[in-house]
Amino acid sequence: MTQQKRLGLVLGLNIVMIAALIIVGVASHSLGVLAAGGDYAADSVAILLGIIAIQIAKHPHGHPKATTYVALVNSGVLLVVTAFVIVGGVRRLATRTPEIHGLSVLIVSVIALASMIVAALILGKDADKEDLHMRSVMLDTIADATAAAGVAVSGAIIYLIGGAYWLDSAVAVAVGLVIGYNAVKLLKDVTTALHTHDQP
């Protein structure tokens, strides 16, 4: 299966999950779920740009490093998402976390986790070795799966004990840190690749 077809399928999964995560996040008052939704939205933009960049790179007059520049944009967007999520989480922890509907958080997070596992299988185990854009998509997918698992655990605990709403904000901050770590790592790789390309 071509890169474009794989990316198209993963994009479809992301778009479906964005809607579900935002709706459930607002309804359940979960910052963790909303953070995941924001991350999926950023990833979807990056994937769409990547599909366009692949076409540009293949064009006779296109730029061979188009997908690398998309990876650069992706890392920047992820850093912005990281800042919003961490600031929001810390603010809630410092004030008062509203009542979280744990069961809704658990269900949508388990679905999100499953969708990201499917996305990783679609991308293939060697996707991170193809080019920097595919690597960025795979890193995003793994980070999303990890985040979904964390949010699911917090949702389960909140549902079972009927409290500990602060866990949602704490997990949101943790999700932000995971996103940020991967964004910085990707930014470093992209910068190195662009610098190497510009060397005489």
N, C-alpha and C. Protein backbone atom coordinates (compact mmCIF):
# COMPACT_ATOMS: atom_id res chain seq x y z
N MET A 1 0.85 -1.19 0.00
CA MET A 1 0.00 0.00 0.00
C MET A 1 0.88 1.25 0.00
N THR A 2 0.56 2.23 -0.84
CA THR A 2 1.38 3.44 -0.95
C THR A 2 1.28 4.29 0.32
N GLN A 3 2.24 5.19 0.46
CA GLN A 3 2.22 6.13 1.59
C GLN A 3 0.93 6.92 1.63
N GLN A 4 0.51 7.42 0.47
CA GLN A 4 -0.69 8.25 0.41
C GLN A 4 -1.94 7.50 0.87
N LYS A 5 -2.07 6.25 0.45
CA LYS A 5 -3.23 5.45 0.85
C LYS A 5 -3.22 5.18 2.35
N ARG A 6 -2.03 4.85 2.88
CA ARG A 6 -1.92 4.60 4.32
C ARG A 6 -2.23 5.87 5.12
N LEU A 7 -1.67 6.98 4.66
CA LEU A 7 -1.92 8.24 5.35
C LEU A 7 -3.39 8.64 5.26
N GLY A 8 -4.01 8.36 4.11
CA GLY A 8 -5.43 8.67 3.94
C GLY A 8 -6.31 7.90 4.91
N LEU A 9 -6.01 6.63 5.11
CA LEU A 9 -6.77 5.81 6.05
C LEU A 9 -6.58 6.30 7.49
N VAL A 10 -5.33 6.62 7.83
CA VAL A 10 -5.05 7.11 9.19
C VAL A 10 -5.72 8.47 9.40
N LEU A 11 -5.73 9.31 8.37
CA LEU A 11 -6.40 10.60 8.45
C LEU A 11 -7.89 10.41 8.73
N GLY A 12 -8.51 9.44 8.05
CA GLY A 12 -9.92 9.16 8.27
C GLY A 12 -10.20 8.76 9.71
N LEU A 13 -9.35 7.90 10.27
CA LEU A 13 -9.50 7.48 11.67
C LEU A 13 -9.38 8.67 12.61
N ASN A 14 -8.40 9.54 12.33
CA ASN A 14 -8.19 10.72 13.17
C ASN A 14 -9.39 11.66 13.16
N ILE A 15 -9.94 11.89 11.98
CA ILE A 15 -11.07 12.81 11.86
C ILE A 15 -12.28 12.30 12.64
N VAL A 16 -12.55 11.00 12.53
CA VAL A 16 -13.66 10.40 13.29
C VAL A 16 -13.45 10.58 14.78
N MET A 17 -12.21 10.35 15.23
CA MET A 17 -11.91 10.43 16.67
C MET A 17 -11.92 11.87 17.17
N ILE A 18 -11.56 12.84 16.33
CA ILE A 18 -11.60 14.24 16.74
C ILE A 18 -13.00 14.61 17.18
N ALA A 19 -13.98 14.28 16.34
CA ALA A 19 -15.38 14.60 16.65
C ALA A 19 -15.82 13.93 17.94
N ALA A 20 -15.50 12.64 18.07
CA ALA A 20 -15.90 11.89 19.27
C ALA A 20 -15.25 12.45 20.53
N LEU A 21 -13.96 12.76 20.46
CA LEU A 21 -13.23 13.24 21.62
C LEU A 21 -13.70 14.62 22.07
N ILE A 22 -13.95 15.50 21.11
CA ILE A 22 -14.41 16.85 21.46
C ILE A 22 -15.80 16.81 22.08
N ILE A 23 -16.70 16.03 21.48
CA ILE A 23 -18.07 15.92 22.01
C ILE A 23 -18.06 15.34 23.43
N VAL A 24 -17.34 14.24 23.61
CA VAL A 24 -17.28 13.60 24.93
C VAL A 24 -16.51 14.46 25.91
N GLY A 25 -15.43 15.11 25.45
CA GLY A 25 -14.64 15.96 26.33
C GLY A 25 -15.44 17.10 26.91
N VAL A 26 -16.25 17.75 26.06
CA VAL A 26 -17.10 18.85 26.53
C VAL A 26 -18.19 18.33 27.46
N ALA A 27 -18.83 17.22 27.06
CA ALA A 27 -19.94 16.68 27.85
C ALA A 27 -19.48 16.14 29.20
N SER A 28 -18.28 15.57 29.25
CA SER A 28 -17.79 14.96 30.49
C SER A 28 -16.93 15.91 31.32
N HIS A 29 -16.66 17.12 30.81
CA HIS A 29 -15.80 18.12 31.46
C HIS A 29 -14.35 17.64 31.59
N SER A 30 -13.93 16.75 30.69
CA SER A 30 -12.60 16.16 30.79
C SER A 30 -11.57 16.91 29.95
N LEU A 31 -10.59 17.51 30.62
CA LEU A 31 -9.50 18.19 29.92
C LEU A 31 -8.61 17.16 29.24
N GLY A 32 -8.47 15.98 29.85
CA GLY A 32 -7.66 14.93 29.26
C GLY A 32 -8.18 14.51 27.90
N VAL A 33 -9.49 14.34 27.80
CA VAL A 33 -10.12 13.95 26.53
C VAL A 33 -10.01 15.09 25.52
N LEU A 34 -10.24 16.32 25.96
CA LEU A 34 -10.12 17.47 25.06
C LEU A 34 -8.68 17.64 24.56
N ALA A 35 -7.72 17.36 25.43
CA ALA A 35 -6.31 17.43 25.04
C ALA A 35 -6.02 16.42 23.94
N ALA A 36 -6.57 15.22 24.11
CA ALA A 36 -6.39 14.19 23.09
C ALA A 36 -7.04 14.63 21.77
N GLY A 37 -8.21 15.26 21.87
CA GLY A 37 -8.89 15.75 20.67
C GLY A 37 -8.07 16.82 19.95
N GLY A 38 -7.47 17.72 20.72
CA GLY A 38 -6.62 18.75 20.13
C GLY A 38 -5.39 18.16 19.46
N ASP A 39 -4.84 17.13 20.09
CA ASP A 39 -3.67 16.45 19.52
C ASP A 39 -4.04 15.77 18.21
N TYR A 40 -5.19 15.09 18.18
CA TYR A 40 -5.65 14.42 16.97
C TYR A 40 -5.88 15.44 15.85
N ALA A 41 -6.41 16.61 16.21
CA ALA A 41 -6.66 17.66 15.22
C ALA A 41 -5.34 18.14 14.60
N ALA A 42 -4.34 18.36 15.46
CA ALA A 42 -3.03 18.79 14.97
C ALA A 42 -2.42 17.72 14.08
N ASP A 43 -2.56 16.47 14.48
CA ASP A 43 -2.03 15.36 13.68
C ASP A 43 -2.72 15.28 12.32
N SER A 44 -4.03 15.52 12.30
CA SER A 44 -4.78 15.44 11.05
C SER A 44 -4.31 16.48 10.06
N VAL A 45 -4.06 17.69 10.55
CA VAL A 45 -3.55 18.76 9.68
C VAL A 45 -2.19 18.36 9.11
N ALA A 46 -1.34 17.79 9.97
CA ALA A 46 0.00 17.37 9.54
C ALA A 46 -0.08 16.26 8.49
N ILE A 47 -1.00 15.31 8.70
CA ILE A 47 -1.15 14.20 7.75
C ILE A 47 -1.64 14.72 6.40
N LEU A 48 -2.62 15.63 6.44
CA LEU A 48 -3.16 16.20 5.20
C LEU A 48 -2.07 16.95 4.44
N LEU A 49 -1.29 17.75 5.17
CA LEU A 49 -0.18 18.47 4.54
C LEU A 49 0.85 17.49 3.98
N GLY A 50 1.03 16.38 4.71
CA GLY A 50 1.98 15.37 4.26
C GLY A 50 1.56 14.73 2.95
N ILE A 51 0.27 14.44 2.81
CA ILE A 51 -0.25 13.86 1.57
C ILE A 51 0.01 14.80 0.40
N ILE A 52 -0.23 16.10 0.65
CA ILE A 52 0.02 17.11 -0.39
C ILE A 52 1.53 17.18 -0.69
N ALA A 53 2.34 17.12 0.37
CA ALA A 53 3.80 17.23 0.20
C ALA A 53 4.36 16.06 -0.60
N ILE A 54 3.78 14.88 -0.43
CA ILE A 54 4.24 13.70 -1.18
C ILE A 54 4.04 13.94 -2.68
N GLN A 55 2.89 14.53 -3.02
CA GLN A 55 2.60 14.85 -4.43
C GLN A 55 3.60 15.88 -4.96
N ILE A 56 3.90 16.88 -4.11
CA ILE A 56 4.85 17.92 -4.52
C ILE A 56 6.25 17.33 -4.74
N ALA A 57 6.65 16.45 -3.82
CA ALA A 57 7.98 15.83 -3.90
C ALA A 57 8.12 14.97 -5.15
N LYS A 58 7.01 14.35 -5.58
CA LYS A 58 7.04 13.47 -6.75
C LYS A 58 7.02 14.25 -8.06
N HIS A 59 6.54 15.49 -8.00
CA HIS A 59 6.43 16.31 -9.22
C HIS A 59 7.82 16.64 -9.76
N PRO A 60 8.00 16.63 -11.08
CA PRO A 60 9.31 16.94 -11.68
C PRO A 60 9.91 18.26 -11.20
N HIS A 61 9.05 19.23 -10.94
CA HIS A 61 9.53 20.53 -10.47
C HIS A 61 9.26 20.74 -8.98
N GLY A 62 8.93 19.66 -8.30
CA GLY A 62 8.63 19.75 -6.87
C GLY A 62 9.89 19.78 -6.02
N HIS A 63 9.70 20.01 -4.75
CA HIS A 63 10.83 20.07 -3.82
C HIS A 63 11.01 18.71 -3.14
N PRO A 64 12.20 18.10 -3.25
CA PRO A 64 12.42 16.77 -2.67
C PRO A 64 12.30 16.73 -1.15
N LYS A 65 12.44 17.89 -0.51
CA LYS A 65 12.37 17.94 0.96
C LYS A 65 11.01 18.43 1.46
N ALA A 66 10.00 18.37 0.60
CA ALA A 66 8.68 18.88 0.98
C ALA A 66 8.14 18.19 2.24
N THR A 67 8.30 16.86 2.30
CA THR A 67 7.78 16.13 3.47
C THR A 67 8.55 16.47 4.74
N THR A 68 9.83 16.82 4.59
CA THR A 68 10.63 17.21 5.76
C THR A 68 10.13 18.53 6.32
N TYR A 69 9.76 19.45 5.43
CA TYR A 69 9.21 20.73 5.89
C TYR A 69 7.86 20.54 6.58
N VAL A 70 7.09 19.57 6.11
CA VAL A 70 5.82 19.26 6.76
C VAL A 70 6.08 18.74 8.17
N ALA A 71 7.10 17.90 8.31
CA ALA A 71 7.46 17.40 9.64
C ALA A 71 7.86 18.55 10.57
N LEU A 72 8.51 19.57 9.98
CA LEU A 72 8.89 20.76 10.76
C LEU A 72 7.65 21.49 11.25
N VAL A 73 6.67 21.67 10.36
CA VAL A 73 5.41 22.32 10.73
C VAL A 73 4.70 21.50 11.80
N ASN A 74 4.70 20.19 11.63
CA ASN A 74 4.05 19.29 12.59
C ASN A 74 4.64 19.46 13.99
N SER A 75 5.96 19.50 14.07
CA SER A 75 6.61 19.64 15.38
C SER A 75 6.24 20.97 16.03
N GLY A 76 6.15 22.03 15.22
CA GLY A 76 5.77 23.34 15.76
C GLY A 76 4.35 23.36 16.29
N VAL A 77 3.42 22.77 15.52
CA VAL A 77 2.02 22.71 15.95
C VAL A 77 1.89 21.90 17.23
N LEU A 78 2.61 20.79 17.32
CA LEU A 78 2.55 19.95 18.51
C LEU A 78 3.07 20.69 19.74
N LEU A 79 4.07 21.53 19.57
CA LEU A 79 4.58 22.32 20.69
C LEU A 79 3.54 23.32 21.18
N VAL A 80 2.78 23.89 20.24
CA VAL A 80 1.70 24.82 20.62
C VAL A 80 0.62 24.07 21.39
N VAL A 81 0.24 22.88 20.90
CA VAL A 81 -0.75 22.05 21.60
C VAL A 81 -0.26 21.71 23.00
N THR A 82 1.02 21.38 23.10
CA THR A 82 1.63 21.05 24.40
C THR A 82 1.45 22.19 25.39
N ALA A 83 1.75 23.40 24.94
CA ALA A 83 1.66 24.57 25.81
C ALA A 83 0.23 24.77 26.32
N PHE A 84 -0.75 24.69 25.42
CA PHE A 84 -2.15 24.88 25.81
C PHE A 84 -2.60 23.82 26.81
N VAL A 85 -2.24 22.57 26.55
CA VAL A 85 -2.66 21.46 27.41
C VAL A 85 -2.06 21.58 28.80
N ILE A 86 -0.76 21.85 28.88
CA ILE A 86 -0.08 21.93 30.17
C ILE A 86 -0.58 23.13 30.98
N VAL A 87 -0.72 24.27 30.32
CA VAL A 87 -1.22 25.47 31.01
C VAL A 87 -2.63 25.21 31.53
N GLY A 88 -3.49 24.61 30.70
CA GLY A 88 -4.86 24.31 31.12
C GLY A 88 -4.90 23.33 32.28
N GLY A 89 -4.06 22.31 32.22
CA GLY A 89 -4.02 21.31 33.28
C GLY A 89 -3.54 21.89 34.60
N VAL A 90 -2.47 22.67 34.54
CA VAL A 90 -1.93 23.28 35.76
C VAL A 90 -2.93 24.25 36.36
N ARG A 91 -3.62 25.00 35.51
CA ARG A 91 -4.62 25.96 35.98
C ARG A 91 -5.75 25.24 36.73
N ARG A 92 -6.20 24.13 36.17
CA ARG A 92 -7.25 23.37 36.84
C ARG A 92 -6.78 22.78 38.17
N LEU A 93 -5.54 22.29 38.17
CA LEU A 93 -4.99 21.73 39.41
C LEU A 93 -4.86 22.80 40.48
N ALA A 94 -4.54 24.02 40.06
CA ALA A 94 -4.33 25.12 41.01
C ALA A 94 -5.65 25.68 41.53
N THR A 95 -6.72 25.48 40.78
CA THR A 95 -8.02 26.01 41.21
C THR A 95 -8.92 24.86 41.67
N ARG A 96 -9.86 24.49 40.82
CA ARG A 96 -10.75 23.38 41.19
C ARG A 96 -11.19 22.65 39.92
N THR A 97 -10.95 21.35 39.90
CA THR A 97 -11.36 20.54 38.76
C THR A 97 -12.85 20.23 38.86
N PRO A 98 -13.61 20.50 37.80
CA PRO A 98 -15.05 20.21 37.85
C PRO A 98 -15.32 18.71 37.89
N GLU A 99 -16.55 18.33 38.16
CA GLU A 99 -16.91 16.92 38.20
C GLU A 99 -16.70 16.28 36.82
N ILE A 100 -15.98 15.17 36.80
CA ILE A 100 -15.69 14.47 35.56
C ILE A 100 -16.56 13.22 35.45
N HIS A 101 -17.14 12.99 34.28
CA HIS A 101 -17.94 11.79 34.05
C HIS A 101 -17.01 10.66 33.62
N GLY A 102 -16.55 9.90 34.59
CA GLY A 102 -15.52 8.90 34.36
C GLY A 102 -15.85 7.83 33.35
N LEU A 103 -17.09 7.35 33.33
CA LEU A 103 -17.45 6.27 32.41
C LEU A 103 -17.35 6.72 30.96
N SER A 104 -17.81 7.93 30.66
CA SER A 104 -17.71 8.46 29.29
C SER A 104 -16.26 8.60 28.87
N VAL A 105 -15.43 9.08 29.80
CA VAL A 105 -14.00 9.24 29.53
C VAL A 105 -13.36 7.89 29.24
N LEU A 106 -13.71 6.90 30.04
CA LEU A 106 -13.15 5.55 29.87
C LEU A 106 -13.52 4.97 28.51
N ILE A 107 -14.79 5.05 28.16
CA ILE A 107 -15.26 4.44 26.91
C ILE A 107 -14.62 5.08 25.69
N VAL A 108 -14.64 6.42 25.61
CA VAL A 108 -14.10 7.08 24.42
C VAL A 108 -12.58 6.91 24.34
N SER A 109 -11.91 6.81 25.48
CA SER A 109 -10.46 6.64 25.48
C SER A 109 -10.06 5.24 25.03
N VAL A 110 -10.84 4.25 25.41
CA VAL A 110 -10.57 2.89 24.96
C VAL A 110 -10.76 2.79 23.44
N ILE A 111 -11.80 3.45 22.94
CA ILE A 111 -12.03 3.48 21.49
C ILE A 111 -10.88 4.20 20.78
N ALA A 112 -10.43 5.31 21.37
CA ALA A 112 -9.31 6.05 20.79
C ALA A 112 -8.04 5.21 20.77
N LEU A 113 -7.80 4.48 21.86
CA LEU A 113 -6.62 3.60 21.93
C LEU A 113 -6.69 2.55 20.83
N ALA A 114 -7.85 1.93 20.68
CA ALA A 114 -8.02 0.90 19.64
C ALA A 114 -7.80 1.48 18.25
N SER A 115 -8.31 2.69 18.02
CA SER A 115 -8.16 3.30 16.69
C SER A 115 -6.70 3.61 16.38
N MET A 116 -5.93 4.00 17.40
CA MET A 116 -4.52 4.30 17.18
C MET A 116 -3.68 3.03 16.98
N ILE A 117 -4.10 1.94 17.60
CA ILE A 117 -3.43 0.66 17.35
C ILE A 117 -3.67 0.24 15.90
N VAL A 118 -4.91 0.42 15.43
CA VAL A 118 -5.22 0.12 14.03
C VAL A 118 -4.41 1.03 13.11
N ALA A 119 -4.30 2.32 13.47
CA ALA A 119 -3.55 3.28 12.66
C ALA A 119 -2.08 2.88 12.56
N ALA A 120 -1.50 2.44 13.67
CA ALA A 120 -0.10 2.01 13.67
C ALA A 120 0.10 0.78 12.77
N LEU A 121 -0.87 -0.13 12.79
CA LEU A 121 -0.79 -1.32 11.93
C LEU A 121 -0.90 -0.92 10.46
N ILE A 122 -1.74 0.07 10.17
CA ILE A 122 -1.88 0.55 8.79
C ILE A 122 -0.58 1.18 8.31
N LEU A 123 0.04 1.98 9.17
CA LEU A 123 1.29 2.65 8.80
C LEU A 123 2.41 1.64 8.55
N GLY A 124 2.41 0.55 9.33
CA GLY A 124 3.43 -0.47 9.17
C GLY A 124 4.60 -0.29 10.11
N LYS A 125 5.23 -1.40 10.48
CA LYS A 125 6.30 -1.35 11.48
C LYS A 125 7.54 -0.59 11.02
N ASP A 126 7.72 -0.44 9.71
CA ASP A 126 8.90 0.25 9.18
C ASP A 126 8.60 1.67 8.73
N ALA A 127 7.43 2.19 9.10
CA ALA A 127 7.04 3.53 8.66
C ALA A 127 8.03 4.60 9.13
N ASP A 128 8.55 4.43 10.35
CA ASP A 128 9.45 5.44 10.89
C ASP A 128 10.81 5.46 10.19
N LYS A 129 11.05 4.48 9.29
CA LYS A 129 12.32 4.43 8.57
C LYS A 129 12.19 4.94 7.14
N GLU A 130 10.96 5.29 6.73
CA GLU A 130 10.72 5.71 5.34
C GLU A 130 11.21 7.14 5.09
N ASP A 131 10.72 8.09 5.88
CA ASP A 131 11.16 9.48 5.80
C ASP A 131 10.72 10.18 7.09
N LEU A 132 11.14 11.43 7.26
CA LEU A 132 10.85 12.13 8.51
C LEU A 132 9.36 12.37 8.72
N HIS A 133 8.64 12.60 7.63
CA HIS A 133 7.19 12.82 7.80
C HIS A 133 6.50 11.55 8.29
N MET A 134 6.82 10.41 7.67
CA MET A 134 6.22 9.15 8.11
C MET A 134 6.64 8.84 9.55
N ARG A 135 7.88 9.20 9.88
CA ARG A 135 8.33 8.99 11.25
C ARG A 135 7.52 9.85 12.21
N SER A 136 7.26 11.10 11.79
CA SER A 136 6.50 12.00 12.66
C SER A 136 5.08 11.48 12.86
N VAL A 137 4.48 10.93 11.80
CA VAL A 137 3.12 10.38 11.90
C VAL A 137 3.11 9.18 12.83
N MET A 138 4.12 8.31 12.69
CA MET A 138 4.18 7.13 13.57
C MET A 138 4.39 7.54 15.02
N LEU A 139 5.27 8.53 15.25
CA LEU A 139 5.50 9.01 16.62
C LEU A 139 4.22 9.61 17.20
N ASP A 140 3.50 10.37 16.38
CA ASP A 140 2.23 10.95 16.82
C ASP A 140 1.23 9.85 17.19
N THR A 141 1.19 8.81 16.37
CA THR A 141 0.25 7.71 16.59
C THR A 141 0.56 6.97 17.89
N ILE A 142 1.84 6.71 18.12
CA ILE A 142 2.25 6.03 19.35
C ILE A 142 1.96 6.91 20.57
N ALA A 143 2.26 8.21 20.43
CA ALA A 143 1.99 9.14 21.53
C ALA A 143 0.50 9.22 21.82
N ASP A 144 -0.31 9.22 20.75
CA ASP A 144 -1.77 9.28 20.92
C ASP A 144 -2.29 8.03 21.63
N ALA A 145 -1.73 6.88 21.26
CA ALA A 145 -2.14 5.62 21.90
C ALA A 145 -1.78 5.64 23.38
N THR A 146 -0.57 6.14 23.68
CA THR A 146 -0.13 6.23 25.08
C THR A 146 -1.02 7.18 25.86
N ALA A 147 -1.33 8.32 25.25
CA ALA A 147 -2.19 9.31 25.91
C ALA A 147 -3.58 8.73 26.16
N ALA A 148 -4.13 8.04 25.16
CA ALA A 148 -5.47 7.44 25.30
C ALA A 148 -5.49 6.43 26.44
N ALA A 149 -4.41 5.65 26.55
CA ALA A 149 -4.33 4.66 27.63
C ALA A 149 -4.33 5.36 28.99
N GLY A 150 -3.56 6.45 29.10
CA GLY A 150 -3.50 7.19 30.36
C GLY A 150 -4.82 7.80 30.74
N VAL A 151 -5.50 8.39 29.75
CA VAL A 151 -6.81 9.00 30.01
C VAL A 151 -7.83 7.93 30.38
N ALA A 152 -7.74 6.75 29.74
CA ALA A 152 -8.66 5.65 30.05
C ALA A 152 -8.49 5.20 31.49
N VAL A 153 -7.24 5.11 31.94
CA VAL A 153 -6.97 4.70 33.33
C VAL A 153 -7.54 5.72 34.31
N SER A 154 -7.34 7.00 34.03
CA SER A 154 -7.88 8.03 34.92
C SER A 154 -9.40 8.00 34.93
N GLY A 155 -10.01 7.78 33.76
CA GLY A 155 -11.46 7.69 33.68
C GLY A 155 -11.99 6.53 34.47
N ALA A 156 -11.29 5.39 34.41
CA ALA A 156 -11.71 4.20 35.15
C ALA A 156 -11.65 4.44 36.65
N ILE A 157 -10.56 5.08 37.11
CA ILE A 157 -10.40 5.35 38.54
C ILE A 157 -11.48 6.32 39.03
N ILE A 158 -11.69 7.38 38.25
CA ILE A 158 -12.71 8.37 38.62
C ILE A 158 -14.10 7.72 38.68
N TYR A 159 -14.39 6.84 37.72
CA TYR A 159 -15.69 6.17 37.69
C TYR A 159 -15.85 5.21 38.87
N LEU A 160 -14.81 4.47 39.18
CA LEU A 160 -14.90 3.44 40.23
C LEU A 160 -15.00 4.03 41.63
N ILE A 161 -14.26 5.11 41.88
CA ILE A 161 -14.28 5.67 43.24
C ILE A 161 -15.21 6.86 43.38
N GLY A 162 -15.72 7.35 42.23
CA GLY A 162 -16.65 8.47 42.27
C GLY A 162 -16.04 9.77 42.74
N GLY A 163 -14.78 9.98 42.44
CA GLY A 163 -14.09 11.20 42.84
C GLY A 163 -12.71 11.28 42.22
N ALA A 164 -11.78 11.93 42.92
CA ALA A 164 -10.40 12.11 42.43
C ALA A 164 -10.39 12.78 41.05
N TYR A 165 -11.23 13.81 40.90
CA TYR A 165 -11.34 14.48 39.60
C TYR A 165 -10.04 15.15 39.17
N TRP A 166 -9.17 15.42 40.13
CA TRP A 166 -7.89 16.05 39.83
C TRP A 166 -7.03 15.16 38.92
N LEU A 167 -7.32 13.84 38.93
CA LEU A 167 -6.55 12.91 38.10
C LEU A 167 -6.65 13.28 36.62
N ASP A 168 -7.81 13.77 36.22
CA ASP A 168 -8.01 14.13 34.81
C ASP A 168 -7.05 15.24 34.40
N SER A 169 -6.91 16.25 35.25
CA SER A 169 -6.00 17.36 34.95
C SER A 169 -4.55 16.90 34.99
N ALA A 170 -4.23 16.02 35.96
CA ALA A 170 -2.87 15.50 36.07
C ALA A 170 -2.49 14.70 34.83
N VAL A 171 -3.42 13.88 34.36
CA VAL A 171 -3.17 13.09 33.16
C VAL A 171 -3.06 13.99 31.94
N ALA A 172 -3.85 15.05 31.89
CA ALA A 172 -3.77 16.01 30.78
C ALA A 172 -2.38 16.63 30.71
N VAL A 173 -1.83 16.98 31.86
CA VAL A 173 -0.47 17.54 31.90
C VAL A 173 0.53 16.49 31.42
N ALA A 174 0.35 15.23 31.87
CA ALA A 174 1.24 14.15 31.45
C ALA A 174 1.16 13.94 29.94
N VAL A 175 -0.06 14.00 29.40
CA VAL A 175 -0.25 13.88 27.95
C VAL A 175 0.50 15.00 27.23
N GLY A 176 0.38 16.22 27.77
CA GLY A 176 1.08 17.35 27.19
C GLY A 176 2.59 17.16 27.18
N LEU A 177 3.12 16.60 28.25
CA LEU A 177 4.56 16.35 28.33
C LEU A 177 5.02 15.31 27.32
N VAL A 178 4.20 14.27 27.12
CA VAL A 178 4.52 13.23 26.14
C VAL A 178 4.53 13.83 24.73
N ILE A 179 3.50 14.64 24.44
CA ILE A 179 3.41 15.30 23.13
C ILE A 179 4.61 16.21 22.93
N GLY A 180 4.94 16.99 23.96
CA GLY A 180 6.06 17.91 23.89
C GLY A 180 7.39 17.22 23.68
N TYR A 181 7.59 16.11 24.38
CA TYR A 181 8.85 15.35 24.24
C TYR A 181 9.03 14.88 22.80
N ASN A 182 7.97 14.32 22.23
CA ASN A 182 8.05 13.82 20.85
C ASN A 182 8.22 14.97 19.86
N ALA A 183 7.59 16.11 20.15
CA ALA A 183 7.70 17.27 19.27
C ALA A 183 9.14 17.80 19.25
N VAL A 184 9.75 17.89 20.43
CA VAL A 184 11.13 18.38 20.51
C VAL A 184 12.10 17.42 19.81
N LYS A 185 11.87 16.13 20.02
CA LYS A 185 12.72 15.11 19.38
C LYS A 185 12.60 15.19 17.87
N LEU A 186 11.36 15.33 17.38
CA LEU A 186 11.14 15.44 15.95
C LEU A 186 11.77 16.72 15.40
N LEU A 187 11.61 17.83 16.13
CA LEU A 187 12.18 19.11 15.69
C LEU A 187 13.69 19.01 15.56
N LYS A 188 14.32 18.31 16.48
CA LYS A 188 15.77 18.13 16.43
C LYS A 188 16.17 17.33 15.19
N ASP A 189 15.42 16.26 14.90
CA ASP A 189 15.71 15.43 13.74
C ASP A 189 15.52 16.20 12.43
N VAL A 190 14.44 16.98 12.38
CA VAL A 190 14.15 17.77 11.17
C VAL A 190 15.24 18.82 10.94
N THR A 191 15.63 19.50 12.03
CA THR A 191 16.67 20.52 11.92
C THR A 191 17.97 19.93 11.42
N THR A 192 18.31 18.75 11.94
CA THR A 192 19.53 18.05 11.51
C THR A 192 19.44 17.69 10.03
N ALA A 193 18.28 17.18 9.61
CA ALA A 193 18.10 16.77 8.22
C ALA A 193 18.20 17.97 7.27
N LEU A 194 17.57 19.07 7.64
CA LEU A 194 17.62 20.27 6.79
C LEU A 194 19.02 20.86 6.74
N HIS A 195 19.72 20.83 7.87
CA HIS A 195 21.08 21.35 7.93
C HIS A 195 22.01 20.51 7.06
N THR A 196 21.82 19.18 7.14
CA THR A 196 22.65 18.26 6.33
C THR A 196 22.39 18.50 4.86
N HIS A 197 21.12 18.73 4.52
CA HIS A 197 20.74 18.95 3.12
C HIS A 197 21.36 20.24 2.57
N ASP A 198 21.51 21.22 3.44
CA ASP A 198 22.04 22.52 3.00
C ASP A 198 23.56 22.54 2.94
N GLN A 199 24.20 21.48 3.46
CA GLN A 199 25.66 21.44 3.44
C GLN A 199 26.16 21.32 2.00
N PRO A 200 27.24 22.02 1.66
CA PRO A 200 27.78 21.93 0.30
C PRO A 200 28.39 20.56 0.02
